[in-house]
Amino acid sequence: MIDRQQYTPGPASGAQVRKDGEKWTLIVVRELRHSPEKVWQALTDPAQLREWAPFDAAGSLGTVGTRVKLTTVGAPTPHVTETTVTRADAPTVLEYNWGGFDMRWQLEAVGGGTRLTLWTNIDRRFIAMGAAGWHLCFDVLDHLLSGTPLGRIVGPEAMKFAGWQRLHAEYAKQFGVS
């Protein structure tokens, strides 16, 4: 594991918001230097999810119809939701619901890597927080897949991280929310 003190997230970028009345969707796009197959494994395998995602999965998310318990990491009280994988077209599209929010992951081969896109509906009050959080998660994912793991940075721990606070302010400004 590399020294987390040396890690500084880049500027707020690659995120946008779609507004449909009170329903807001956060879209986060990241170019990764890894194959769609390798990224797919990181999105569906519980052992890999434990290294970067804001939840733990009690089983693989790689098969349609599978019911999996997802536990939010760092929640003040245990927050466990059960999801059913509604789409799993390896290694291109994964869909399920986490804590009442629809999650859609799209993986597109680009050059020698993958363009990873996440769509998730989110309460507008938390849109900048979500963007900052997923930004860190995607950085941690990229490091993990590169063989230089940072360790998961999520939940209250992420919010204490100076890089998260800067990202939160940058995304809030970009999205026009406070």
Protein backbone atom coordinates (compact mmCIF):
# COMPACT_ATOMS: atom_id res chain seq x y z
CA MET A 1 0.00 0.00 0.00
CA ILE A 2 1.34 3.43 -0.87
CA ASP A 3 1.45 6.24 1.67
CA ARG A 4 -1.95 7.92 1.64
CA GLN A 5 -0.29 11.18 2.75
CA GLN A 6 1.22 11.39 -0.74
CA TYR A 7 -2.18 11.06 -2.43
CA THR A 8 -3.94 14.23 -3.54
CA PRO A 9 -7.04 13.96 -5.72
CA GLY A 10 -7.08 15.93 -8.95
CA PRO A 11 -9.51 18.78 -9.59
CA ALA A 12 -13.25 18.20 -9.70
CA SER A 13 -13.97 16.93 -13.19
CA GLY A 14 -15.81 14.20 -15.03
CA ALA A 15 -19.09 14.66 -13.15
CA GLN A 16 -22.37 16.18 -14.23
CA VAL A 17 -25.93 16.39 -13.00
CA ARG A 18 -29.17 15.72 -14.84
CA LYS A 19 -32.21 17.32 -13.26
CA ASP A 20 -35.75 16.05 -13.76
CA GLY A 21 -37.86 18.04 -11.31
CA GLU A 22 -36.87 16.86 -7.84
CA LYS A 23 -35.12 13.78 -9.23
CA TRP A 24 -31.44 14.42 -9.76
CA THR A 25 -28.99 12.00 -11.34
CA LEU A 26 -25.26 12.18 -10.73
CA ILE A 27 -23.16 11.00 -13.66
CA VAL A 28 -19.47 10.35 -13.01
CA VAL A 29 -17.10 9.38 -15.84
CA ARG A 30 -13.53 8.19 -15.40
CA GLU A 31 -10.97 6.90 -17.85
CA LEU A 32 -9.12 3.92 -16.37
CA ARG A 33 -5.95 2.33 -17.76
CA HIS A 34 -7.34 -1.17 -17.31
CA SER A 35 -9.40 -3.54 -19.47
CA PRO A 36 -13.18 -3.66 -19.11
CA GLU A 37 -12.84 -7.25 -17.84
CA LYS A 38 -10.51 -6.16 -15.02
CA VAL A 39 -12.76 -3.20 -14.11
CA TRP A 40 -15.85 -5.48 -14.22
CA GLN A 41 -14.24 -7.78 -11.64
CA ALA A 42 -13.62 -4.79 -9.35
CA LEU A 43 -17.30 -3.75 -9.68
CA THR A 44 -18.74 -7.19 -8.95
CA ASP A 45 -16.32 -9.13 -6.71
CA PRO A 46 -16.97 -8.62 -2.96
CA ALA A 47 -13.26 -8.86 -2.08
CA GLN A 48 -12.36 -6.10 -4.54
CA LEU A 49 -15.36 -3.94 -3.61
CA ARG A 50 -14.09 -4.00 0.02
CA GLU A 51 -10.94 -2.24 -1.20
CA TRP A 52 -12.56 0.80 -2.83
CA ALA A 53 -16.40 1.00 -2.74
CA PRO A 54 -18.54 2.83 -0.14
CA PHE A 55 -20.33 -0.44 0.65
CA ASP A 56 -19.53 -4.07 1.37
CA ALA A 57 -21.30 -6.71 -0.70
CA ALA A 58 -22.22 -10.06 0.84
CA GLY A 59 -21.94 -11.76 -2.57
CA SER A 60 -21.04 -11.21 -6.21
CA LEU A 61 -22.94 -8.55 -8.15
CA GLY A 62 -22.06 -10.18 -11.48
CA THR A 63 -25.25 -12.18 -12.19
CA VAL A 64 -28.78 -10.98 -13.01
CA GLY A 65 -31.32 -11.96 -10.38
CA THR A 66 -28.78 -12.41 -7.60
CA ARG A 67 -29.92 -10.97 -4.26
CA VAL A 68 -27.04 -9.40 -2.34
CA LYS A 69 -26.89 -7.55 0.98
CA LEU A 70 -25.01 -4.24 0.69
CA THR A 71 -23.72 -2.64 3.89
CA THR A 72 -22.85 1.05 3.83
CA VAL A 73 -19.36 1.60 5.24
CA GLY A 74 -19.00 4.14 8.04
CA ALA A 75 -22.72 4.77 8.56
CA PRO A 76 -23.46 6.01 12.12
CA THR A 77 -25.76 3.01 12.57
CA PRO A 78 -25.52 -0.16 10.48
CA HIS A 79 -27.23 0.47 7.15
CA VAL A 80 -27.86 -2.79 5.29
CA THR A 81 -30.01 -3.00 2.19
CA GLU A 82 -30.76 -5.98 0.01
CA THR A 83 -30.48 -5.50 -3.72
CA THR A 84 -31.28 -7.61 -6.71
CA VAL A 85 -28.96 -7.29 -9.69
CA THR A 86 -31.28 -6.20 -12.52
CA ARG A 87 -28.72 -6.18 -15.33
CA ALA A 88 -25.28 -7.77 -15.63
CA ASP A 89 -23.96 -7.78 -19.18
CA ALA A 90 -20.28 -8.56 -18.52
CA PRO A 91 -18.17 -6.56 -19.08
CA THR A 92 -20.28 -3.65 -20.30
CA VAL A 93 -23.33 -2.84 -18.11
CA LEU A 94 -24.21 -3.49 -14.46
CA GLU A 95 -27.40 -2.29 -12.75
CA TYR A 96 -28.78 -2.65 -9.22
CA ASN A 97 -30.25 -0.49 -6.45
CA TRP A 98 -28.25 0.59 -3.39
CA GLY A 99 -30.15 2.07 -0.45
CA GLY A 100 -33.04 3.20 -2.62
CA PHE A 101 -30.82 4.69 -5.33
CA ASP A 102 -30.56 3.18 -8.79
CA MET A 103 -26.98 2.46 -9.84
CA ARG A 104 -25.99 1.97 -13.48
CA TRP A 105 -22.39 1.24 -14.42
CA GLN A 106 -21.29 1.32 -18.05
CA LEU A 107 -17.86 0.09 -19.17
CA GLU A 108 -16.62 1.05 -22.61
CA ALA A 109 -13.31 -0.13 -24.08
CA VAL A 110 -11.27 2.94 -25.02
CA GLY A 111 -7.73 2.48 -26.30
CA GLY A 112 -6.09 0.02 -23.93
CA GLY A 113 -8.37 0.95 -21.05
CA THR A 114 -11.95 1.56 -20.00
CA ARG A 115 -14.26 4.56 -19.83
CA LEU A 116 -16.27 3.87 -16.68
CA THR A 117 -19.54 5.76 -16.28
CA LEU A 118 -21.72 5.66 -13.17
CA TRP A 119 -25.30 6.99 -13.15
CA THR A 120 -26.99 7.20 -9.75
CA ASN A 121 -30.06 9.09 -8.63
CA ILE A 122 -29.33 11.11 -5.49
CA ASP A 123 -31.04 13.67 -3.30
CA ARG A 124 -30.05 17.12 -4.58
CA ARG A 125 -28.89 18.11 -1.06
CA PHE A 126 -26.16 15.47 -1.32
CA ILE A 127 -25.16 15.79 -4.98
CA ALA A 128 -21.80 17.54 -4.35
CA MET A 129 -21.03 15.15 -1.48
CA GLY A 130 -21.78 12.20 -3.76
CA ALA A 131 -19.61 13.56 -6.56
CA ALA A 132 -16.68 14.15 -4.18
CA GLY A 133 -17.12 10.70 -2.64
CA TRP A 134 -17.28 8.86 -5.97
CA HIS A 135 -14.29 10.89 -7.22
CA LEU A 136 -12.23 9.50 -4.31
CA CYS A 137 -13.63 5.99 -4.81
CA PHE A 138 -12.67 6.03 -8.50
CA ASP A 139 -9.15 7.24 -7.60
CA VAL A 140 -8.82 4.43 -5.06
CA LEU A 141 -10.16 1.95 -7.65
CA ASP A 142 -7.60 3.10 -10.23
CA HIS A 143 -4.77 2.71 -7.71
CA LEU A 144 -6.04 -0.73 -6.69
CA LEU A 145 -6.16 -1.96 -10.29
CA SER A 146 -2.68 -0.50 -10.91
CA GLY A 147 -1.25 -2.54 -8.03
CA THR A 148 -0.64 0.51 -5.81
CA PRO A 149 -3.59 0.32 -3.37
CA LEU A 150 -4.39 3.36 -1.24
CA GLY A 151 -6.97 1.68 0.97
CA ARG A 152 -10.63 2.60 0.96
CA ILE A 153 -11.49 6.27 1.65
CA VAL A 154 -15.25 6.44 2.29
CA GLY A 155 -17.92 7.67 4.69
CA PRO A 156 -17.00 9.90 7.63
CA GLU A 157 -13.30 9.13 7.07
CA ALA A 158 -13.51 10.57 3.55
CA MET A 159 -15.26 13.70 4.78
CA LYS A 160 -12.31 14.43 7.11
CA PHE A 161 -9.89 14.06 4.21
CA ALA A 162 -8.67 17.48 2.99
CA GLY A 163 -8.96 16.41 -0.65
CA TRP A 164 -12.63 15.51 -0.17
CA GLN A 165 -13.41 18.90 1.35
CA ARG A 166 -11.81 20.68 -1.62
CA LEU A 167 -13.62 18.43 -4.11
CA HIS A 168 -16.95 18.97 -2.32
CA ALA A 169 -16.56 22.74 -2.64
CA GLU A 170 -15.51 22.49 -6.31
CA TYR A 171 -18.43 20.22 -7.26
CA ALA A 172 -20.90 22.36 -5.28
CA LYS A 173 -19.75 25.39 -7.30
CA GLN A 174 -19.92 23.45 -10.61
CA PHE A 175 -23.44 22.19 -9.89
CA GLY A 176 -24.70 25.47 -8.40
CA VAL A 177 -25.62 23.96 -5.04
CA SER A 178 -24.53 24.89 -1.54
